[in-house]
């Protein structure tokens, strides 16, 4: 399929998703994976036009504070009147409408949990500032994911019915929305066969959350209503499986009779005559069973056909994949807190000493409800107590460090060491723009050498890379072991390392420095398994002139992707590294 037809298909899917979501938005949402731009704006404009005119439409930053999101003490009114006044939060204000959250991949776990609770309950419920806050909040969420290394928290991603990707769509390929027939707003019945087909499809795709089947049933019901029908059909179930279940798949389903396919269940136990008669009366006919099986198979095949080709290949290979784009592990892990730098987080009671800063607003918020009791003798001034004092807290994301391990042996120098140097140099510049650190190892001769400790100094890194000589044996295991030790040190310091190794994989020097190809490969595979067990994100680039099985073996043992490139320039190698790392 050409790029233009793929983009047109992506926009068609986005249009269908917008119609279905606008019909039944509350309690769920859409994850829109797209960079900021006119295509994303056009999708949001299309969705807004499909919503009722009176429906609220609110924008929300990912770093929104709890008092603005949920509601809390209205500080100005409280100080002016001397009586506690509660202000509604953004979610309560958007009741009956849509909330669009920008840079949603940066949502904190706490904010995501509050949004998930709102979707489940249909209301905002919180205990803040000494008050119980409850407001209706039937809201639909649109989460704008700009596709960085960060990702949505799993608990929130699981509650979103839809996920669309618009990065490959050009503005000229977005089409106007045609006029729709009047939607049917009465009850839509769900045939048992449709429910069973959706459940069977979810089970076959390895979807563990029961919420997925419920969301798929909602989407099928909305599709029937938009088509003006009172009952769901196979087409509705197929569409729901494609839009809701396909992107959640964790395995490739196996047909009956294939190796590894589940065995048929044992026959039912013997029943007495009365029970047997009842069972026979309630049992569906052979024709009904055949129709149900055909429906389940059609829905499953539609879901499988909607899996992206690269995802299908990754699942078939048994590789790890994150169906929701949900945050489990990766760049954003433990975040060290500090007193001066980083993203502001919730303040805490405390005295402003030892470098801690006073949070004036939260201090006023804590003192305001008590002013009516404290103003006796205060002369109209605000009366504070030590327990009112709050200090600021900050949280900074751990720095990412890319550890480059470059094969500078004689075989690599003879082949593509120049391209490898160029790729690393381009990556150094990109790491500098992201304020990430880089480290550089080279292995040749009988061991590995740390040419550049973790640093953000681009000029120094370039000098070290340019002076890198080539020649000698290939102590692959030594290079990998040195990188692993550095990565573990960085992790203990709260940083997030990842490994990019450029080699032809033809190890011939063992860990003890002895020239022995078989021992060298055994040592390299053993260290690679240690790297896999440590969970270090890694990428292996085969820089040999022709694909070599040795590099693929090392990557498989490491649990890393092996990127096999034909002859290419440094920019092509760098693009491949960015896509895979």
Protein backbone atom coordinates (compact mmCIF):
# COMPACT_ATOMS: atom_id res chain seq x y z
CA UNK A 1 0.00 0.00 0.00
CA UNK A 2 1.38 3.43 -0.94
CA UNK A 3 2.07 6.15 1.60
CA UNK A 4 -0.72 8.33 0.21
CA UNK A 5 -3.33 5.56 0.41
CA UNK A 6 -2.18 4.71 3.94
CA UNK A 7 -2.52 8.35 4.98
CA UNK A 8 -5.99 8.58 3.39
CA UNK A 9 -6.99 5.43 5.25
CA UNK A 10 -5.70 6.90 8.52
CA UNK A 11 -7.81 10.01 8.00
CA UNK A 12 -10.85 7.90 7.12
CA UNK A 13 -10.40 5.97 10.37
CA UNK A 14 -10.02 9.27 12.26
CA UNK A 15 -13.29 10.53 10.75
CA UNK A 16 -15.16 7.37 11.75
CA UNK A 17 -13.70 7.55 15.26
CA UNK A 18 -14.77 11.19 15.60
CA UNK A 19 -18.37 10.33 14.66
CA UNK A 20 -18.57 7.39 17.05
CA UNK A 21 -16.96 9.29 19.91
CA UNK A 22 -19.17 12.36 19.41
CA UNK A 23 -22.25 10.11 19.64
CA UNK A 24 -21.21 8.56 22.99
CA UNK A 25 -18.21 10.38 24.51
CA UNK A 26 -18.75 10.22 28.24
CA UNK A 27 -16.64 7.95 30.39
CA UNK A 28 -14.05 7.18 27.70
CA UNK A 29 -11.74 8.97 25.28
CA UNK A 30 -9.40 9.08 22.28
CA UNK A 31 -5.61 8.92 22.25
CA UNK A 32 -4.44 11.02 19.29
CA UNK A 33 -0.84 10.25 18.40
CA UNK A 34 0.25 13.23 16.30
CA UNK A 35 2.62 16.14 16.47
CA UNK A 36 1.17 19.64 16.81
CA UNK A 37 0.14 20.97 13.41
CA UNK A 38 -2.74 21.71 11.03
CA UNK A 39 -3.76 18.05 10.59
CA UNK A 40 -4.28 17.59 14.32
CA UNK A 41 -6.07 20.93 14.52
CA UNK A 42 -8.37 19.90 11.68
CA UNK A 43 -9.27 16.67 13.48
CA UNK A 44 -10.07 18.58 16.67
CA UNK A 45 -12.14 21.09 14.69
CA UNK A 46 -14.03 18.25 13.00
CA UNK A 47 -14.75 16.61 16.36
CA UNK A 48 -15.89 19.86 17.91
CA UNK A 49 -18.26 20.52 15.01
CA UNK A 50 -19.85 17.09 15.58
CA UNK A 51 -20.56 17.82 19.24
CA UNK A 52 -23.72 19.67 20.29
CA UNK A 53 -23.31 23.45 20.20
CA UNK A 54 -23.99 23.77 23.93
CA UNK A 55 -21.44 21.08 24.92
CA UNK A 56 -18.44 22.56 26.79
CA UNK A 57 -15.03 22.28 25.08
CA UNK A 58 -12.08 22.79 27.43
CA UNK A 59 -8.31 22.69 27.05
CA UNK A 60 -6.20 21.30 29.87
CA UNK A 61 -2.40 21.27 30.28
CA UNK A 62 -0.74 18.03 31.37
CA UNK A 63 0.81 19.83 34.35
CA UNK A 64 -2.48 21.16 35.74
CA UNK A 65 -2.62 21.55 39.50
CA UNK A 66 -5.11 19.54 41.55
CA UNK A 67 -7.03 22.57 42.78
CA UNK A 68 -7.68 23.69 39.20
CA UNK A 69 -8.49 20.18 37.96
CA UNK A 70 -10.75 19.03 40.80
CA UNK A 71 -11.74 22.25 42.53
CA UNK A 72 -10.95 23.55 45.98
CA UNK A 73 -10.83 26.61 48.15
CA UNK A 74 -11.50 29.90 46.30
CA UNK A 75 -8.75 31.89 47.95
CA UNK A 76 -9.81 35.37 46.83
CA UNK A 77 -13.44 35.02 47.89
CA UNK A 78 -12.48 33.34 51.14
CA UNK A 79 -10.04 36.09 52.17
CA UNK A 80 -12.47 38.82 51.17
CA UNK A 81 -15.48 37.39 52.97
CA UNK A 82 -13.83 35.58 55.84
CA UNK A 83 -15.87 32.50 55.01
CA UNK A 84 -14.70 29.43 53.16
CA UNK A 85 -15.83 29.37 49.52
CA UNK A 86 -15.38 26.39 47.19
CA UNK A 87 -14.56 26.85 43.49
CA UNK A 88 -15.38 24.21 40.88
CA UNK A 89 -12.53 22.64 38.98
CA UNK A 90 -12.03 22.27 35.23
CA UNK A 91 -13.58 18.79 35.10
CA UNK A 92 -16.77 19.94 36.81
CA UNK A 93 -16.95 22.99 34.53
CA UNK A 94 -16.70 20.70 31.49
CA UNK A 95 -19.61 18.47 32.60
CA UNK A 96 -21.43 17.29 29.49
CA UNK A 97 -18.55 18.14 27.16
CA UNK A 98 -15.02 17.36 26.07
CA UNK A 99 -11.66 18.02 27.74
CA UNK A 100 -8.62 18.13 25.43
CA UNK A 101 -5.31 17.46 27.20
CA UNK A 102 -2.14 18.53 25.42
CA UNK A 103 1.17 16.65 25.78
CA UNK A 104 -0.77 13.91 27.56
CA UNK A 105 2.28 11.62 27.56
CA UNK A 106 3.64 13.89 30.31
CA UNK A 107 0.73 13.35 32.68
CA UNK A 108 1.87 12.39 36.14
CA UNK A 109 0.64 9.14 37.62
CA UNK A 110 -1.42 11.02 40.22
CA UNK A 111 -3.20 13.21 37.64
CA UNK A 112 -3.85 10.19 35.43
CA UNK A 113 -5.40 8.34 38.39
CA UNK A 114 -7.74 11.27 39.08
CA UNK A 115 -8.81 11.39 35.42
CA UNK A 116 -9.41 7.62 35.44
CA UNK A 117 -11.55 7.88 38.57
CA UNK A 118 -13.58 10.66 36.95
CA UNK A 119 -14.21 8.49 33.87
CA UNK A 120 -15.36 5.59 36.07
CA UNK A 121 -17.59 7.57 38.42
CA UNK A 122 -18.90 10.33 36.17
CA UNK A 123 -18.16 12.81 38.92
CA UNK A 124 -15.33 14.58 40.70
CA UNK A 125 -14.86 13.32 44.24
CA UNK A 126 -12.03 14.64 46.41
CA UNK A 127 -11.11 15.62 49.94
CA UNK A 128 -9.26 18.96 49.79
CA UNK A 129 -8.65 21.90 52.08
CA UNK A 130 -10.74 20.30 54.81
CA UNK A 131 -13.81 19.93 52.56
CA UNK A 132 -15.44 17.09 50.65
CA UNK A 133 -15.83 18.03 46.99
CA UNK A 134 -18.39 16.28 44.80
CA UNK A 135 -19.49 17.61 41.42
CA UNK A 136 -20.97 15.84 38.37
CA UNK A 137 -18.38 15.42 35.60
CA UNK A 138 -19.69 13.40 32.65
CA UNK A 139 -16.75 14.17 30.39
CA UNK A 140 -15.06 12.69 27.34
CA UNK A 141 -11.27 12.96 27.07
CA UNK A 142 -9.13 13.67 24.02
CA UNK A 143 -5.49 13.01 24.89
CA UNK A 144 -2.95 14.52 22.49
CA UNK A 145 0.14 12.30 22.49
CA UNK A 146 3.05 13.90 20.66
CA UNK A 147 4.96 10.64 20.36
CA UNK A 148 7.95 11.27 22.59
CA UNK A 149 9.72 8.53 24.53
CA UNK A 150 7.23 9.06 27.35
CA UNK A 151 3.83 7.36 27.19
CA UNK A 152 0.42 7.36 28.82
CA UNK A 153 -0.01 5.64 32.18
CA UNK A 154 -1.57 2.22 31.64
CA UNK A 155 -4.53 2.77 33.97
CA UNK A 156 -5.71 5.76 31.94
CA UNK A 157 -4.87 4.27 28.52
CA UNK A 158 -7.00 1.22 29.36
CA UNK A 159 -10.07 3.44 29.71
CA UNK A 160 -9.74 5.03 26.27
CA UNK A 161 -11.78 3.34 23.57
CA UNK A 162 -9.87 4.70 20.59
CA UNK A 163 -6.31 5.26 19.45
CA UNK A 164 -5.54 7.00 16.15
CA UNK A 165 -2.27 8.05 14.50
CA UNK A 166 -2.14 11.13 12.26
CA UNK A 167 1.59 11.70 11.87
CA UNK A 168 1.67 10.36 8.29
CA UNK A 169 -1.35 12.39 7.13
CA UNK A 170 -0.80 15.51 5.02
CA UNK A 171 -3.18 18.43 5.18
CA UNK A 172 -4.13 18.01 1.51
CA UNK A 173 -5.28 14.45 2.28
CA UNK A 174 -7.80 15.48 4.92
CA UNK A 175 -11.24 15.41 3.46
CA UNK A 176 -14.37 17.26 4.39
CA UNK A 177 -16.92 15.38 6.47
CA UNK A 178 -20.05 14.45 4.55
CA UNK A 179 -23.46 15.05 6.00
CA UNK A 180 -24.69 12.22 8.17
CA UNK A 181 -28.13 10.72 8.41
CA UNK A 182 -30.06 11.44 11.57
CA UNK A 183 -28.79 9.15 14.32
CA UNK A 184 -31.13 6.85 16.16
CA UNK A 185 -31.17 7.80 19.86
CA UNK A 186 -33.39 5.02 21.19
CA UNK A 187 -32.17 1.81 22.81
CA UNK A 188 -29.97 -0.47 20.72
CA UNK A 189 -30.17 -4.14 21.59
CA UNK A 190 -27.07 -6.32 21.67
CA UNK A 191 -27.46 -9.82 20.31
CA UNK A 192 -25.76 -12.47 22.45
CA UNK A 193 -23.78 -13.62 19.42
CA UNK A 194 -22.27 -10.13 19.02
CA UNK A 195 -21.24 -10.01 22.68
CA UNK A 196 -19.73 -13.49 22.49
CA UNK A 197 -17.88 -12.62 19.28
CA UNK A 198 -16.30 -9.53 20.85
CA UNK A 199 -15.32 -11.45 23.98
CA UNK A 200 -13.85 -14.31 21.93
CA UNK A 201 -11.87 -11.84 19.81
CA UNK A 202 -10.46 -10.12 22.89
CA UNK A 203 -9.44 -13.48 24.34
CA UNK A 204 -7.83 -14.59 21.07
CA UNK A 205 -5.82 -11.34 20.89
CA UNK A 206 -4.58 -11.81 24.46
CA UNK A 207 -6.37 -8.77 25.90
CA UNK A 208 -6.50 -9.20 29.65
CA UNK A 209 -8.70 -6.25 30.61
CA UNK A 210 -12.46 -6.81 30.62
CA UNK A 211 -12.88 -3.08 30.01
CA UNK A 212 -11.86 -3.60 26.37
CA UNK A 213 -14.89 -5.78 25.58
CA UNK A 214 -17.20 -3.28 27.30
CA UNK A 215 -15.76 -0.39 25.29
CA UNK A 216 -16.04 -2.41 22.07
CA UNK A 217 -19.70 -3.12 22.85
CA UNK A 218 -20.30 0.61 23.40
CA UNK A 219 -18.70 1.42 20.05
CA UNK A 220 -20.75 -1.26 18.27
CA UNK A 221 -23.91 0.18 19.83
CA UNK A 222 -22.93 3.70 18.72
CA UNK A 223 -22.28 2.45 15.18
CA UNK A 224 -25.74 0.90 15.01
CA UNK A 225 -27.36 4.06 16.37
CA UNK A 226 -25.55 6.27 13.84
CA UNK A 227 -26.87 4.01 11.10
CA UNK A 228 -30.41 4.40 12.45
CA UNK A 229 -30.80 0.78 13.57
CA UNK A 230 -32.24 -0.74 16.76
CA UNK A 231 -30.02 -3.83 16.78
CA UNK A 232 -26.32 -4.48 16.27
CA UNK A 233 -25.09 -6.39 13.25
CA UNK A 234 -21.90 -8.15 12.21
CA UNK A 235 -20.68 -4.93 10.58
CA UNK A 236 -20.99 -3.06 13.90
CA UNK A 237 -19.08 -5.75 15.79
CA UNK A 238 -16.40 -5.88 13.09
CA UNK A 239 -15.92 -2.10 13.21
CA UNK A 240 -15.70 -2.15 17.00
CA UNK A 241 -13.09 -4.92 16.92
CA UNK A 242 -10.99 -2.97 14.42
CA UNK A 243 -11.12 0.32 16.31
CA UNK A 244 -11.08 -0.83 19.94
CA UNK A 245 -9.50 -4.28 20.16
CA UNK A 246 -6.83 -4.37 17.43
CA UNK A 247 -4.45 -1.85 19.01
CA UNK A 248 -4.71 -3.66 22.36
CA UNK A 249 -3.54 -7.03 20.99
CA UNK A 250 -0.73 -8.77 22.83
CA UNK A 251 -0.49 -11.90 20.69
CA UNK A 252 -1.30 -13.22 17.24
CA UNK A 253 -4.35 -15.52 17.38
CA UNK A 254 -3.88 -19.10 16.21
CA UNK A 255 -6.44 -20.96 14.17
CA UNK A 256 -7.65 -24.37 15.29
CA UNK A 257 -5.36 -27.13 14.13
CA UNK A 258 -2.23 -24.97 14.08
CA UNK A 259 0.71 -25.90 16.31
CA UNK A 260 0.16 -24.43 19.74
CA UNK A 261 -3.56 -23.91 19.22
CA UNK A 262 -5.68 -24.64 22.30
CA UNK A 263 -7.19 -28.07 22.55
CA UNK A 264 -11.01 -28.37 22.50
CA UNK A 265 -12.62 -28.48 25.89
CA UNK A 266 -13.54 -31.81 27.45
CA UNK A 267 -17.08 -33.08 27.02
CA UNK A 268 -19.65 -31.96 29.53
CA UNK A 269 -20.21 -34.26 32.53
CA UNK A 270 -23.11 -36.68 32.63
CA UNK A 271 -26.41 -35.18 33.73
CA UNK A 272 -29.52 -36.82 35.07
CA UNK A 273 -32.58 -37.02 32.82
CA UNK A 274 -34.24 -33.85 34.14
CA UNK A 275 -31.14 -31.74 33.83
CA UNK A 276 -30.43 -33.19 30.40
CA UNK A 277 -33.93 -32.26 29.23
CA UNK A 278 -33.51 -28.68 30.44
CA UNK A 279 -30.08 -28.40 28.82
CA UNK A 280 -31.47 -29.71 25.55
CA UNK A 281 -34.34 -27.26 25.62
CA UNK A 282 -32.04 -24.29 26.28
CA UNK A 283 -29.25 -25.35 23.91
CA UNK A 284 -29.01 -23.39 20.65
CA UNK A 285 -29.66 -25.18 17.40
CA UNK A 286 -26.87 -26.28 15.08
CA UNK A 287 -27.72 -23.43 12.70
CA UNK A 288 -27.49 -20.86 15.48
CA UNK A 289 -24.16 -22.29 16.61
CA UNK A 290 -22.81 -22.14 13.06
CA UNK A 291 -23.92 -18.52 12.68
CA UNK A 292 -22.35 -17.55 16.02
CA UNK A 293 -19.07 -19.24 15.08
CA UNK A 294 -19.05 -17.52 11.69
CA UNK A 295 -19.68 -14.15 13.34
CA UNK A 296 -16.89 -14.68 15.88
CA UNK A 297 -14.48 -15.71 13.11
CA UNK A 298 -15.39 -12.67 10.99
CA UNK A 299 -14.90 -10.28 13.89
CA UNK A 300 -11.56 -11.88 14.77
CA UNK A 301 -10.30 -11.71 11.19
CA UNK A 302 -11.27 -8.04 10.98
CA UNK A 303 -9.31 -7.28 14.16
CA UNK A 304 -6.26 -9.19 12.90
CA UNK A 305 -6.41 -7.35 9.58
CA UNK A 306 -6.33 -4.05 11.46
CA UNK A 307 -3.06 -4.83 13.24
CA UNK A 308 -0.21 -2.73 11.81
CA UNK A 309 2.18 -4.94 9.78
CA UNK A 310 5.18 -4.12 11.97
CA UNK A 311 3.17 -4.86 15.11
CA UNK A 312 2.03 -8.19 13.69
CA UNK A 313 5.61 -9.14 12.90
CA UNK A 314 6.77 -8.15 16.36
CA UNK A 315 4.01 -10.14 18.03
CA UNK A 316 4.69 -13.17 15.84
CA UNK A 317 8.34 -13.01 16.86
CA UNK A 318 7.29 -12.98 20.52
CA UNK A 319 8.90 -9.58 21.11
CA UNK A 320 7.71 -7.25 23.81
CA UNK A 321 5.14 -4.72 22.71
CA UNK A 322 3.08 -2.15 24.50
CA UNK A 323 -0.42 -2.28 23.08
CA UNK A 324 -1.71 0.91 24.64
CA UNK A 325 1.45 2.90 24.52
CA UNK A 326 1.02 2.70 28.27
CA UNK A 327 3.76 3.64 30.64
CA UNK A 328 5.39 0.62 32.27
CA UNK A 329 9.07 1.26 32.11
CA UNK A 330 11.40 3.37 30.05
CA UNK A 331 12.74 6.83 30.10
CA UNK A 332 10.38 8.19 32.73
CA UNK A 333 11.08 6.14 35.85
CA UNK A 334 11.89 7.31 39.35
CA UNK A 335 12.01 11.09 39.47
CA UNK A 336 14.31 12.64 42.02
CA UNK A 337 12.76 15.50 43.97
CA UNK A 338 14.61 18.64 44.89
CA UNK A 339 14.17 22.04 46.48
CA UNK A 340 15.15 24.38 43.64
CA UNK A 341 14.78 22.91 40.15
CA UNK A 342 12.32 20.80 38.18
CA UNK A 343 8.55 20.72 37.70
CA UNK A 344 6.55 22.07 40.65
CA UNK A 345 4.54 19.40 42.46
CA UNK A 346 2.21 19.48 45.44
CA UNK A 347 3.51 21.53 48.33
CA UNK A 348 3.83 20.08 51.80
CA UNK A 349 3.58 21.55 55.29
CA UNK A 350 6.94 22.70 56.57
CA UNK A 351 9.16 25.63 57.47
CA UNK A 352 11.11 27.50 54.75
CA UNK A 353 14.63 26.68 55.89
CA UNK A 354 17.57 24.61 54.64
CA UNK A 355 17.01 25.84 51.09
CA UNK A 356 13.25 25.23 51.07
CA UNK A 357 11.06 27.96 49.56
CA UNK A 358 7.81 29.21 51.06
CA UNK A 359 4.72 28.49 48.96
CA UNK A 360 2.76 31.68 49.60
CA UNK A 361 -0.46 30.60 47.87
CA UNK A 362 -0.73 27.26 49.68
CA UNK A 363 0.13 28.96 52.97
CA UNK A 364 -2.70 31.45 52.41
CA UNK A 365 -4.99 28.60 51.39
CA UNK A 366 -4.28 26.77 54.65
CA UNK A 367 -4.84 29.88 56.77
CA UNK A 368 -7.91 31.31 55.01
CA UNK A 369 -10.66 29.08 56.47
CA UNK A 370 -9.64 30.01 60.03
CA UNK A 371 -9.54 33.80 59.72
CA UNK A 372 -12.96 34.37 61.20
CA UNK A 373 -11.78 32.69 64.41
CA UNK A 374 -8.29 34.19 64.43
CA UNK A 375 -8.95 37.85 63.62
CA UNK A 376 -9.71 38.82 67.21
CA UNK A 377 -6.80 41.11 67.98
CA UNK A 378 -5.23 40.70 64.54
CA UNK A 379 -6.22 44.20 63.45
CA UNK A 380 -7.56 43.14 60.05
CA UNK A 381 -4.34 41.42 59.09
CA UNK A 382 -4.23 37.78 58.06
CA UNK A 383 -3.43 35.65 61.10
CA UNK A 384 -1.03 32.76 60.49
CA UNK A 385 -0.01 29.79 62.58
CA UNK A 386 3.06 27.61 62.19
CA UNK A 387 0.91 24.77 60.86
CA UNK A 388 -0.21 26.96 57.94
CA UNK A 389 3.28 27.19 56.44
CA UNK A 390 3.82 25.20 53.24
CA UNK A 391 7.03 24.81 51.25
CA UNK A 392 7.50 24.23 47.56
CA UNK A 393 8.57 20.89 46.11
CA UNK A 394 9.97 20.14 42.68
CA UNK A 395 10.36 16.96 40.69
CA UNK A 396 12.83 16.57 37.85
CA UNK A 397 12.84 13.80 35.25
CA UNK A 398 15.94 11.61 35.34
CA UNK A 399 18.49 12.44 32.68
CA UNK A 400 18.71 10.02 29.81
CA UNK A 401 22.18 8.80 28.88
CA UNK A 402 22.87 7.13 25.56
CA UNK A 403 25.85 4.78 25.80
CA UNK A 404 27.45 4.24 22.40
CA UNK A 405 29.58 1.11 22.00
CA UNK A 406 31.56 1.26 18.76
CA UNK A 407 33.42 -1.66 17.19
CA UNK A 408 36.83 -0.23 16.20
CA UNK A 409 38.42 -3.59 15.35
CA UNK A 410 40.18 -4.36 12.12
CA UNK A 411 37.13 -5.95 10.47
CA UNK A 412 34.93 -2.94 11.32
CA UNK A 413 37.58 -0.44 10.24
CA UNK A 414 37.83 -2.24 6.91
CA UNK A 415 34.07 -2.05 6.38
CA UNK A 416 31.97 0.82 7.80
CA UNK A 417 33.69 2.51 10.72
CA UNK A 418 33.46 5.88 8.96
CA UNK A 419 29.67 5.60 8.63
CA UNK A 420 29.43 4.50 12.27
CA UNK A 421 31.40 7.57 13.37
CA UNK A 422 29.14 9.81 11.33
CA UNK A 423 25.98 8.28 12.77
CA UNK A 424 27.25 8.66 16.32
CA UNK A 425 28.21 12.28 15.66
CA UNK A 426 24.69 13.10 14.42
CA UNK A 427 23.22 11.38 17.46
CA UNK A 428 25.50 13.41 19.71
CA UNK A 429 24.02 16.61 18.31
CA UNK A 430 20.46 15.36 18.89
CA UNK A 431 21.27 14.31 22.44
CA UNK A 432 22.65 17.79 23.07
CA UNK A 433 19.42 19.39 21.87
CA UNK A 434 17.43 17.17 24.29
CA UNK A 435 19.94 17.92 27.06
CA UNK A 436 20.69 14.21 27.31
CA UNK A 437 24.09 12.89 28.22
CA UNK A 438 26.23 10.63 26.03
CA UNK A 439 29.02 8.19 26.75
CA UNK A 440 31.32 6.52 24.25
CA UNK A 441 33.05 3.15 24.43
CA UNK A 442 35.32 1.67 21.78
CA UNK A 443 36.55 -1.92 21.76
CA UNK A 444 39.53 -3.17 19.78
CA UNK A 445 42.62 -5.24 20.38
CA UNK A 446 42.12 -7.11 23.65
CA UNK A 447 39.73 -4.87 25.58
CA UNK A 448 37.35 -1.92 25.73
CA UNK A 449 38.13 1.70 26.49
CA UNK A 450 35.87 4.43 27.85
CA UNK A 451 36.71 7.25 25.46
CA UNK A 452 34.12 9.62 26.85
CA UNK A 453 32.48 9.43 30.31
CA UNK A 454 28.84 10.59 30.49
CA UNK A 455 28.82 14.23 29.45
CA UNK A 456 26.78 16.84 27.65
CA UNK A 457 29.83 18.52 26.10
CA UNK A 458 29.33 18.09 22.36
CA UNK A 459 32.72 19.51 21.30
CA UNK A 460 34.61 17.09 23.53
CA UNK A 461 32.60 14.16 22.27
CA UNK A 462 33.34 15.08 18.67
CA UNK A 463 37.06 15.31 19.34
CA UNK A 464 37.12 11.87 20.96
CA UNK A 465 35.13 10.37 18.10
CA UNK A 466 37.31 11.90 15.39
CA UNK A 467 40.48 10.56 16.99
CA UNK A 468 39.12 7.01 17.27
CA UNK A 469 41.58 4.65 15.52
CA UNK A 470 40.68 1.30 13.99
CA UNK A 471 42.42 -2.08 13.89
CA UNK A 472 43.11 -5.17 15.95
CA UNK A 473 40.91 -7.94 17.31
CA UNK A 474 37.21 -7.81 18.22
CA UNK A 475 36.72 -8.11 22.03
CA UNK A 476 32.94 -7.80 21.74
CA UNK A 477 32.21 -9.26 25.18
CA UNK A 478 34.58 -6.78 26.83
CA UNK A 479 32.82 -3.83 25.17
CA UNK A 480 29.39 -5.07 26.21
CA UNK A 481 30.50 -5.81 29.77
CA UNK A 482 32.02 -2.34 30.16
CA UNK A 483 28.81 -0.72 28.87
CA UNK A 484 26.70 -2.85 31.22
CA UNK A 485 28.76 -1.80 34.24
CA UNK A 486 28.42 1.88 33.32
CA UNK A 487 24.66 1.52 32.76
CA UNK A 488 24.19 -0.04 36.20
CA UNK A 489 26.14 2.82 37.77
CA UNK A 490 23.95 5.38 35.98
CA UNK A 491 20.81 3.62 37.15
CA UNK A 492 21.96 3.73 40.76
CA UNK A 493 22.41 7.48 40.30
CA UNK A 494 18.79 7.83 39.18
CA UNK A 495 19.48 8.24 35.46
CA UNK A 496 18.00 6.32 32.52
CA UNK A 497 20.62 4.68 30.29
CA UNK A 498 20.13 3.08 26.91
CA UNK A 499 22.65 1.23 24.77
CA UNK A 500 23.42 1.63 21.06
CA UNK A 501 26.04 -0.84 19.79
CA UNK A 502 27.55 -0.65 16.32
CA UNK A 503 29.40 -3.85 15.34
CA UNK A 504 29.64 -6.61 12.77
CA UNK A 505 29.28 -9.18 15.59
CA UNK A 506 32.37 -11.18 14.57
CA UNK A 507 33.92 -11.56 18.03
CA UNK A 508 37.33 -13.24 18.17
CA UNK A 509 38.79 -12.14 21.54
CA UNK A 510 37.46 -13.70 24.76
CA UNK A 511 36.91 -11.79 28.00
CA UNK A 512 40.33 -12.86 29.30
CA UNK A 513 42.03 -11.40 26.20
CA UNK A 514 42.77 -14.73 24.50
CA UNK A 515 42.28 -14.95 20.71
CA UNK A 516 39.67 -17.72 20.41
CA UNK A 517 36.61 -17.19 18.19
CA UNK A 518 34.39 -19.84 19.76
CA UNK A 519 35.11 -18.72 23.33
CA UNK A 520 34.72 -15.07 22.29
CA UNK A 521 31.24 -15.70 20.86
CA UNK A 522 30.24 -17.71 23.95
CA UNK A 523 31.41 -14.86 26.22
CA UNK A 524 29.58 -12.29 24.11
CA UNK A 525 26.32 -14.24 24.23
CA UNK A 526 26.63 -14.70 28.00
CA UNK A 527 27.12 -10.96 28.57
CA UNK A 528 24.24 -10.26 26.16
CA UNK A 529 21.95 -12.43 28.30
CA UNK A 530 23.03 -10.46 31.37
CA UNK A 531 22.10 -7.25 29.56
CA UNK A 532 18.69 -8.70 28.71
CA UNK A 533 18.09 -9.69 32.32
CA UNK A 534 18.93 -6.16 33.45
CA UNK A 535 16.18 -4.73 31.24
CA UNK A 536 18.49 -2.20 29.59
CA UNK A 537 16.95 -0.77 26.37
CA UNK A 538 19.36 -1.62 23.58
CA UNK A 539 19.82 -1.52 19.84
CA UNK A 540 22.37 -3.44 17.76
CA UNK A 541 23.38 -2.08 14.33
CA UNK A 542 25.12 -4.50 12.01
CA UNK A 543 27.75 -2.36 10.25
CA UNK A 544 29.13 -5.17 8.07
CA UNK A 545 28.85 -4.74 4.27
CA UNK A 546 26.46 -7.73 4.15
CA UNK A 547 24.11 -9.00 6.87
CA UNK A 548 25.93 -11.29 9.30
CA UNK A 549 24.26 -13.96 11.47
CA UNK A 550 26.64 -13.19 14.35
CA UNK A 551 25.19 -9.73 14.96
CA UNK A 552 21.64 -11.12 14.88
CA UNK A 553 22.60 -13.81 17.41
CA UNK A 554 24.02 -11.22 19.81
CA UNK A 555 20.92 -9.02 19.43
CA UNK A 556 18.59 -11.97 20.08
CA UNK A 557 20.50 -12.92 23.23
CA UNK A 558 20.38 -9.28 24.34
CA UNK A 559 16.64 -8.96 23.66
CA UNK A 560 17.43 -6.01 21.40
CA UNK A 561 16.40 -5.09 17.91
CA UNK A 562 19.03 -5.82 15.26
CA UNK A 563 19.07 -3.24 12.53
CA UNK A 564 20.59 -4.63 9.34
CA UNK A 565 21.44 -1.90 6.87
CA UNK A 566 22.78 -2.07 3.35
CA UNK A 567 25.39 0.44 2.26
CA UNK A 568 24.13 3.82 3.45
CA UNK A 569 25.47 7.17 4.49
CA UNK A 570 25.80 8.40 8.07
CA UNK A 571 22.48 10.25 7.99
CA UNK A 572 20.59 7.07 7.07
CA UNK A 573 22.22 5.16 9.92
CA UNK A 574 21.32 7.95 12.33
CA UNK A 575 17.67 7.97 11.23
CA UNK A 576 17.49 4.24 11.86
CA UNK A 577 18.97 4.69 15.33
CA UNK A 578 16.42 7.38 16.20
CA UNK A 579 13.54 5.19 15.01
CA UNK A 580 14.59 2.13 16.98
CA UNK A 581 16.12 3.53 20.17
